[in-house]
Amino acid sequence: MRIGDPKKKSQKLCQKGDKLFKKAKYDKALSKYEAAFALDQDNPEILSKMIEAHDLSNKEWDMEDFTKQVGWTMQQQELDNPRIARLHEKLAPEFEKIFECITRLTNAIDEEAEEKAIDEILSYGDLAVIPLIEFIRSLKRPEEETLEDLLAEDTDD
């Protein structure tokens, strides 16, 4: 590795974080781990250290802390199992909106309604890819439960 190599810098920051962690300086360790992760975002070990330091932090959590923890946990799951990223994308609030746009497109009765739905789908950019794939898959296997079916079952209880 070159001296200016981001992974080498990340390792050094992680080592500093480890020293702080051993001294129970969890907030300072977390800062080092976050800086290390910014340089090496494919490293699940750093994410684990971030999560642990954050868990052991003495400060009272607010919504931002909770959001960070959930986000890091999801990133770690995705690094451990890349297929889980698609599941996480289905949980994004945009997924259902895009899926509804796709449904409107398929049910459009005129060209104007089609164009409106297409423009709305395109406005989501890359976020529309997974919902489009899932919609096509639902056409191929109509007997399988859809995400909407599963969500409806949860609210029926």
Protein backbone atom coordinates (compact mmCIF):
# COMPACT_ATOMS: atom_id res chain seq x y z
CA MET A 1 0.00 0.00 0.00
CA ARG A 2 1.19 3.50 -0.79
CA ILE A 3 1.65 6.02 2.01
CA GLY A 4 -1.27 8.09 0.69
CA ASP A 5 -3.42 4.99 0.33
CA PRO A 6 -6.88 5.54 1.90
CA LYS A 7 -6.98 1.97 3.24
CA LYS A 8 -3.68 2.48 5.06
CA LYS A 9 -4.94 5.76 6.53
CA SER A 10 -8.14 3.94 7.50
CA GLN A 11 -6.16 1.22 9.29
CA LYS A 12 -4.18 3.82 11.25
CA LEU A 13 -7.37 5.63 12.28
CA CYS A 14 -8.89 2.31 13.29
CA GLN A 15 -5.85 1.49 15.44
CA LYS A 16 -6.17 4.87 17.16
CA GLY A 17 -9.85 4.14 17.71
CA ASP A 18 -8.97 0.75 19.20
CA LYS A 19 -6.59 2.40 21.71
CA LEU A 20 -9.29 4.89 22.72
CA PHE A 21 -11.86 2.08 22.93
CA LYS A 22 -9.62 0.11 25.34
CA LYS A 23 -9.49 3.22 27.55
CA ALA A 24 -13.34 3.33 27.50
CA LYS A 25 -13.27 6.60 25.52
CA TYR A 26 -16.07 5.38 23.30
CA ASP A 27 -17.14 8.71 21.81
CA LYS A 28 -13.59 9.53 20.73
CA ALA A 29 -13.10 5.99 19.45
CA LEU A 30 -16.31 6.30 17.45
CA SER A 31 -15.00 9.49 15.80
CA LYS A 32 -11.85 7.65 14.71
CA TYR A 33 -13.87 4.69 13.44
CA GLU A 34 -16.19 6.98 11.48
CA ALA A 35 -13.20 8.69 9.86
CA ALA A 36 -11.70 5.27 9.07
CA PHE A 37 -14.95 4.06 7.55
CA ALA A 38 -15.18 7.17 5.36
CA LEU A 39 -11.92 6.00 3.78
CA ASP A 40 -12.82 2.29 3.58
CA GLN A 41 -16.57 1.85 3.20
CA ASP A 42 -16.36 -1.81 2.24
CA ASN A 43 -14.93 -2.85 5.59
CA PRO A 44 -17.50 -4.59 7.80
CA GLU A 45 -15.00 -4.79 10.69
CA ILE A 46 -14.95 -1.00 10.99
CA LEU A 47 -18.75 -0.92 10.96
CA SER A 48 -18.81 -3.48 13.79
CA LYS A 49 -16.45 -1.30 15.80
CA MET A 50 -18.58 1.78 15.12
CA ILE A 51 -21.72 0.00 16.26
CA GLU A 52 -20.05 -1.32 19.42
CA ALA A 53 -18.51 2.05 20.35
CA HIS A 54 -21.84 3.74 19.73
CA ASP A 55 -23.64 1.16 21.88
CA LEU A 56 -21.22 1.73 24.76
CA SER A 57 -21.27 5.51 24.49
CA ASN A 58 -22.32 7.23 27.70
CA LYS A 59 -24.50 9.84 26.08
CA GLU A 60 -28.26 9.52 25.93
CA TRP A 61 -29.44 8.61 22.44
CA ASP A 62 -31.62 10.87 20.36
CA MET A 63 -33.29 10.15 17.02
CA GLU A 64 -30.08 10.89 15.12
CA ASP A 65 -28.20 8.28 17.17
CA PHE A 66 -30.92 5.71 16.59
CA THR A 67 -30.91 6.46 12.86
CA LYS A 68 -27.12 6.14 12.68
CA GLN A 69 -27.20 2.80 14.50
CA VAL A 70 -29.89 1.36 12.24
CA GLY A 71 -28.11 2.67 9.13
CA TRP A 72 -24.79 1.15 10.18
CA THR A 73 -26.44 -2.16 11.03
CA MET A 74 -28.10 -2.24 7.62
CA GLN A 75 -24.80 -1.41 5.90
CA GLN A 76 -23.10 -4.20 7.82
CA GLN A 77 -25.81 -6.65 6.78
CA GLU A 78 -25.38 -5.60 3.15
CA LEU A 79 -21.61 -6.07 3.30
CA ASP A 80 -22.07 -9.50 4.90
CA ASN A 81 -24.79 -10.49 2.40
CA PRO A 82 -25.06 -8.26 -0.71
CA ARG A 83 -28.48 -9.69 -1.64
CA ILE A 84 -29.96 -8.16 1.48
CA ALA A 85 -29.43 -4.71 -0.08
CA ARG A 86 -32.46 -5.37 -2.30
CA LEU A 87 -34.56 -6.11 0.76
CA HIS A 88 -33.43 -2.87 2.36
CA GLU A 89 -34.33 -0.98 -0.81
CA LYS A 90 -37.85 -2.42 -0.58
CA LEU A 91 -38.12 -0.88 2.88
CA ALA A 92 -37.31 2.60 1.59
CA PRO A 93 -40.31 4.95 1.55
CA GLU A 94 -39.82 5.62 -2.17
CA PHE A 95 -40.23 1.94 -3.07
CA GLU A 96 -43.98 1.89 -2.52
CA LYS A 97 -44.46 5.26 -4.26
CA ILE A 98 -42.54 4.05 -7.31
CA PHE A 99 -44.40 0.74 -7.31
CA GLU A 100 -47.68 2.69 -7.32
CA CYS A 101 -46.44 4.76 -10.30
CA ILE A 102 -45.62 1.55 -12.17
CA THR A 103 -49.09 0.21 -11.42
CA ARG A 104 -50.62 3.47 -12.70
CA LEU A 105 -48.56 3.10 -15.87
CA THR A 106 -49.83 -0.41 -16.51
CA ASN A 107 -53.42 0.66 -15.85
CA ALA A 108 -53.23 3.92 -17.84
CA ILE A 109 -56.10 4.26 -20.27
CA ASP A 110 -54.56 6.92 -22.49
CA GLU A 111 -51.18 8.15 -23.65
CA GLU A 112 -51.28 11.25 -21.46
CA ALA A 113 -51.71 9.16 -18.31
CA GLU A 114 -48.91 6.85 -19.48
CA GLU A 115 -46.53 9.77 -20.07
CA LYS A 116 -47.33 11.25 -16.68
CA ALA A 117 -46.59 7.93 -14.95
CA ILE A 118 -43.39 7.44 -16.98
CA ASP A 119 -42.17 10.95 -16.11
CA GLU A 120 -42.85 10.31 -12.44
CA ILE A 121 -41.00 6.97 -12.52
CA LEU A 122 -38.05 8.55 -14.32
CA SER A 123 -37.90 11.33 -11.74
CA TYR A 124 -36.77 8.74 -9.19
CA GLY A 125 -33.70 7.86 -11.28
CA ASP A 126 -31.81 4.79 -10.09
CA LEU A 127 -34.21 4.34 -7.16
CA ALA A 128 -36.79 3.10 -9.68
CA VAL A 129 -34.72 0.09 -10.80
CA ILE A 130 -35.55 -2.29 -7.94
CA PRO A 131 -39.31 -1.52 -7.93
CA LEU A 132 -39.37 -2.04 -11.71
CA ILE A 133 -37.59 -5.38 -11.34
CA GLU A 134 -39.93 -6.44 -8.53
CA PHE A 135 -42.96 -5.43 -10.59
CA ILE A 136 -41.76 -7.54 -13.54
CA ARG A 137 -41.07 -10.45 -11.19
CA SER A 138 -44.60 -10.14 -9.79
CA LEU A 139 -45.98 -10.51 -13.34
CA LYS A 140 -43.95 -13.67 -13.86
CA ARG A 141 -45.10 -15.22 -10.58
CA PRO A 142 -48.58 -13.88 -9.83
CA GLU A 143 -49.29 -16.66 -7.35
CA GLU A 144 -46.57 -15.48 -4.97
CA GLU A 145 -47.35 -13.03 -2.23
CA THR A 146 -46.31 -9.51 -3.06
CA LEU A 147 -44.79 -7.02 -0.66
CA GLU A 148 -48.17 -5.32 -0.48
CA ASP A 149 -49.83 -8.62 0.51
CA LEU A 150 -47.30 -9.15 3.28
CA LEU A 151 -47.73 -5.59 4.55
CA ALA A 152 -51.53 -5.94 4.48
CA GLU A 153 -51.31 -9.12 6.57
CA ASP A 154 -49.29 -7.26 9.19
CA THR A 155 -51.94 -4.56 9.54
CA ASP A 156 -54.84 -7.04 9.69
CA ASP A 157 -53.73 -8.38 13.10
